[in-house]
N, C-alpha and C. Protein backbone atom coordinates (compact mmCIF):
# COMPACT_ATOMS: atom_id res chain seq x y z
N MET A 1 8.17 55.27 177.10
CA MET A 1 7.04 56.16 177.11
C MET A 1 6.56 56.33 178.54
N GLY A 2 6.18 57.55 178.90
CA GLY A 2 5.70 57.83 180.25
C GLY A 2 4.27 57.38 180.44
N ASP A 3 3.73 57.76 181.55
CA ASP A 3 2.34 57.42 181.85
C ASP A 3 1.41 58.12 180.87
N VAL A 4 0.36 57.42 180.49
CA VAL A 4 -0.65 57.97 179.61
C VAL A 4 -1.99 57.85 180.31
N ALA A 5 -2.72 58.95 180.36
CA ALA A 5 -4.06 58.95 180.94
C ALA A 5 -5.03 59.48 179.89
N ILE A 6 -6.15 58.86 179.80
CA ILE A 6 -7.17 59.29 178.85
C ILE A 6 -8.40 59.71 179.65
N PHE A 7 -8.84 60.94 179.41
CA PHE A 7 -9.99 61.49 180.12
C PHE A 7 -10.96 62.08 179.11
N THR A 8 -12.23 62.06 179.46
CA THR A 8 -13.19 62.84 178.69
C THR A 8 -13.00 64.30 179.08
N ILE A 9 -13.55 65.18 178.30
CA ILE A 9 -13.44 66.60 178.61
C ILE A 9 -14.07 66.88 179.97
N HIS A 10 -15.22 66.27 180.23
CA HIS A 10 -15.90 66.49 181.51
C HIS A 10 -15.06 66.03 182.69
N LYS A 11 -14.39 64.89 182.56
CA LYS A 11 -13.59 64.34 183.65
C LYS A 11 -12.31 65.13 183.88
N SER A 12 -11.87 65.88 182.89
CA SER A 12 -10.61 66.62 183.02
C SER A 12 -10.78 67.99 183.67
N LYS A 13 -12.00 68.41 183.89
CA LYS A 13 -12.25 69.73 184.44
C LYS A 13 -11.50 69.93 185.75
N GLY A 14 -10.74 71.00 185.84
CA GLY A 14 -9.98 71.30 187.04
C GLY A 14 -8.60 70.66 187.09
N ALA A 15 -8.33 69.70 186.22
CA ALA A 15 -7.03 69.02 186.19
C ALA A 15 -6.10 69.70 185.19
N GLU A 16 -4.81 69.44 185.33
CA GLU A 16 -3.82 69.92 184.37
C GLU A 16 -2.92 68.76 183.98
N PHE A 17 -2.43 68.80 182.75
CA PHE A 17 -1.59 67.73 182.23
C PHE A 17 -0.45 68.34 181.43
N ALA A 18 0.70 67.70 181.45
CA ALA A 18 1.85 68.21 180.70
C ALA A 18 1.52 68.30 179.21
N ASN A 19 0.88 67.29 178.67
CA ASN A 19 0.54 67.24 177.25
C ASN A 19 -0.92 66.88 177.09
N VAL A 20 -1.58 67.54 176.16
CA VAL A 20 -2.99 67.28 175.89
C VAL A 20 -3.17 67.12 174.39
N VAL A 21 -3.95 66.11 174.00
CA VAL A 21 -4.31 65.89 172.61
C VAL A 21 -5.83 66.01 172.50
N LEU A 22 -6.29 66.89 171.64
CA LEU A 22 -7.71 67.02 171.36
C LEU A 22 -7.95 66.51 169.95
N VAL A 23 -8.75 65.48 169.82
CA VAL A 23 -9.04 64.87 168.53
C VAL A 23 -10.41 65.36 168.05
N LEU A 24 -10.41 66.04 166.93
CA LEU A 24 -11.65 66.52 166.34
C LEU A 24 -11.99 65.68 165.12
N GLU A 25 -13.27 65.48 164.89
CA GLU A 25 -13.70 64.62 163.79
C GLU A 25 -13.70 65.33 162.44
N LYS A 26 -13.86 66.67 162.47
CA LYS A 26 -13.88 67.41 161.21
C LYS A 26 -13.34 68.82 161.42
N GLU A 27 -12.87 69.38 160.35
CA GLU A 27 -12.24 70.70 160.39
C GLU A 27 -13.17 71.78 160.94
N GLU A 28 -14.46 71.68 160.66
CA GLU A 28 -15.41 72.69 161.11
C GLU A 28 -15.42 72.84 162.63
N GLU A 29 -15.00 71.81 163.34
CA GLU A 29 -14.98 71.87 164.80
C GLU A 29 -13.89 72.80 165.34
N LEU A 30 -13.02 73.28 164.47
CA LEU A 30 -12.02 74.27 164.86
C LEU A 30 -12.62 75.65 165.05
N ASP A 31 -13.91 75.80 164.78
CA ASP A 31 -14.55 77.11 164.90
C ASP A 31 -14.51 77.66 166.33
N PHE A 32 -14.24 76.81 167.31
CA PHE A 32 -14.11 77.33 168.68
C PHE A 32 -12.85 78.18 168.82
N ILE A 33 -11.93 78.07 167.84
CA ILE A 33 -10.73 78.91 167.80
C ILE A 33 -10.91 80.03 166.78
N THR A 34 -11.41 79.69 165.59
CA THR A 34 -11.50 80.67 164.51
C THR A 34 -12.68 81.62 164.65
N ASN A 35 -13.73 81.19 165.34
CA ASN A 35 -14.92 82.01 165.53
C ASN A 35 -15.57 81.66 166.86
N PRO A 36 -14.91 81.95 167.97
CA PRO A 36 -15.37 81.47 169.28
C PRO A 36 -16.67 82.13 169.75
N ASP A 37 -17.48 81.31 170.42
CA ASP A 37 -18.71 81.78 171.06
C ASP A 37 -18.81 81.05 172.39
N LEU A 38 -18.02 81.47 173.36
CA LEU A 38 -17.95 80.78 174.65
C LEU A 38 -19.15 81.06 175.53
N HIS A 39 -19.96 82.04 175.17
CA HIS A 39 -21.12 82.38 175.99
C HIS A 39 -22.34 81.53 175.64
N LEU A 40 -22.53 81.22 174.37
CA LEU A 40 -23.75 80.53 173.96
C LEU A 40 -23.54 79.12 173.45
N ASP A 41 -22.35 78.79 173.01
CA ASP A 41 -22.13 77.48 172.39
C ASP A 41 -21.45 76.54 173.38
N GLU A 42 -22.18 75.54 173.85
CA GLU A 42 -21.66 74.58 174.83
C GLU A 42 -20.47 73.79 174.29
N LYS A 43 -20.50 73.44 173.02
CA LYS A 43 -19.38 72.70 172.43
C LYS A 43 -18.11 73.54 172.43
N HIS A 44 -18.24 74.82 172.18
CA HIS A 44 -17.08 75.71 172.23
C HIS A 44 -16.50 75.74 173.64
N ARG A 45 -17.37 75.85 174.64
CA ARG A 45 -16.90 75.88 176.02
C ARG A 45 -16.20 74.58 176.39
N LEU A 46 -16.75 73.46 175.97
CA LEU A 46 -16.14 72.16 176.29
C LEU A 46 -14.76 72.02 175.64
N ARG A 47 -14.65 72.45 174.41
CA ARG A 47 -13.34 72.36 173.73
C ARG A 47 -12.34 73.30 174.38
N TYR A 48 -12.79 74.45 174.83
CA TYR A 48 -11.91 75.38 175.54
C TYR A 48 -11.41 74.73 176.83
N VAL A 49 -12.30 74.06 177.56
CA VAL A 49 -11.88 73.34 178.77
C VAL A 49 -10.79 72.34 178.41
N ALA A 50 -10.98 71.61 177.32
CA ALA A 50 -9.99 70.61 176.92
C ALA A 50 -8.63 71.23 176.66
N ILE A 51 -8.59 72.30 175.89
CA ILE A 51 -7.28 72.87 175.55
C ILE A 51 -6.64 73.61 176.72
N SER A 52 -7.46 74.07 177.65
CA SER A 52 -6.90 74.81 178.78
C SER A 52 -6.28 73.90 179.84
N ARG A 53 -6.34 72.59 179.66
CA ARG A 53 -5.73 71.64 180.58
C ARG A 53 -4.24 71.47 180.33
N ALA A 54 -3.75 71.91 179.18
CA ALA A 54 -2.36 71.68 178.78
C ALA A 54 -1.40 72.62 179.51
N ILE A 55 -0.34 72.04 180.07
CA ILE A 55 0.71 72.84 180.72
C ILE A 55 1.83 73.13 179.73
N ASN A 56 2.32 72.11 179.04
CA ASN A 56 3.47 72.26 178.14
C ASN A 56 3.10 72.22 176.66
N ASN A 57 2.37 71.19 176.26
CA ASN A 57 2.09 70.98 174.84
C ASN A 57 0.62 70.69 174.63
N LEU A 58 0.07 71.30 173.60
CA LEU A 58 -1.30 71.04 173.18
C LEU A 58 -1.26 70.64 171.72
N PHE A 59 -1.89 69.52 171.42
CA PHE A 59 -1.98 69.03 170.05
C PHE A 59 -3.46 68.91 169.70
N ILE A 60 -3.84 69.48 168.57
CA ILE A 60 -5.20 69.35 168.07
C ILE A 60 -5.09 68.69 166.71
N THR A 61 -5.82 67.60 166.55
CA THR A 61 -5.74 66.88 165.29
C THR A 61 -7.10 66.88 164.59
N VAL A 62 -7.06 67.08 163.28
CA VAL A 62 -8.24 67.00 162.43
C VAL A 62 -7.85 66.19 161.19
N PRO A 63 -8.82 65.47 160.60
CA PRO A 63 -8.48 64.62 159.45
C PRO A 63 -7.96 65.41 158.26
N THR A 64 -8.52 66.59 158.03
CA THR A 64 -8.08 67.44 156.92
C THR A 64 -8.08 68.89 157.39
N LEU A 65 -7.31 69.71 156.71
CA LEU A 65 -7.26 71.14 157.03
C LEU A 65 -7.03 71.90 155.74
N ASP A 66 -8.05 72.65 155.31
CA ASP A 66 -7.88 73.38 154.04
C ASP A 66 -7.00 74.60 154.26
N ASN A 67 -6.49 75.11 153.17
CA ASN A 67 -5.53 76.23 153.25
C ASN A 67 -6.15 77.48 153.85
N GLY A 68 -7.43 77.73 153.59
CA GLY A 68 -8.09 78.92 154.15
C GLY A 68 -8.14 78.87 155.66
N THR A 69 -8.53 77.74 156.22
CA THR A 69 -8.58 77.60 157.67
C THR A 69 -7.17 77.65 158.26
N ALA A 70 -6.21 77.05 157.58
CA ALA A 70 -4.82 77.09 158.04
C ALA A 70 -4.32 78.53 158.10
N GLN A 71 -4.66 79.34 157.10
CA GLN A 71 -4.24 80.74 157.10
C GLN A 71 -4.86 81.51 158.26
N ILE A 72 -6.14 81.23 158.55
CA ILE A 72 -6.80 81.89 159.68
C ILE A 72 -6.09 81.53 160.97
N LEU A 73 -5.81 80.25 161.16
CA LEU A 73 -5.14 79.80 162.38
C LEU A 73 -3.75 80.40 162.50
N GLU A 74 -3.00 80.40 161.41
CA GLU A 74 -1.65 80.96 161.44
C GLU A 74 -1.67 82.46 161.70
N SER A 75 -2.70 83.16 161.24
CA SER A 75 -2.78 84.60 161.46
C SER A 75 -3.00 84.95 162.93
N LEU A 76 -3.52 84.00 163.71
CA LEU A 76 -3.71 84.21 165.14
C LEU A 76 -2.40 84.16 165.90
N ASP A 77 -1.36 83.61 165.25
CA ASP A 77 -0.01 83.53 165.81
C ASP A 77 0.03 82.78 167.15
N ILE A 78 -0.80 81.74 167.25
CA ILE A 78 -0.80 80.94 168.49
C ILE A 78 -0.59 79.46 168.20
N VAL A 79 -0.46 79.08 166.93
CA VAL A 79 -0.34 77.67 166.58
C VAL A 79 0.79 77.45 165.59
N ASP A 80 1.30 76.25 165.59
CA ASP A 80 2.18 75.75 164.54
C ASP A 80 1.44 74.62 163.87
N ILE A 81 1.26 74.71 162.58
CA ILE A 81 0.54 73.66 161.85
C ILE A 81 1.55 72.68 161.30
N ILE A 82 1.34 71.43 161.60
CA ILE A 82 2.19 70.35 161.10
C ILE A 82 1.32 69.40 160.32
N ARG A 83 1.62 69.22 159.08
CA ARG A 83 0.85 68.31 158.23
C ARG A 83 1.62 66.99 158.11
N VAL A 84 0.92 65.91 158.35
CA VAL A 84 1.56 64.59 158.24
C VAL A 84 0.84 63.73 157.24
């Protein structure tokens, strides 16, 4: 395994990484993708900063993902959903 670095979103600002993992506590936090409000919602902006650090691979994990949200994400044609 290669080097692993763990940063908070704030500490990663301006940096780039080959692979980024964003861990969300609940499915509703995916709203920064499904219903973005980057102008008024600070949490949306922070999550955007996190995902924009990825050069090669971005992984977003949530404990559960209902079929409706999965369909919305898949319709954006920017993600591959992998259920484990």
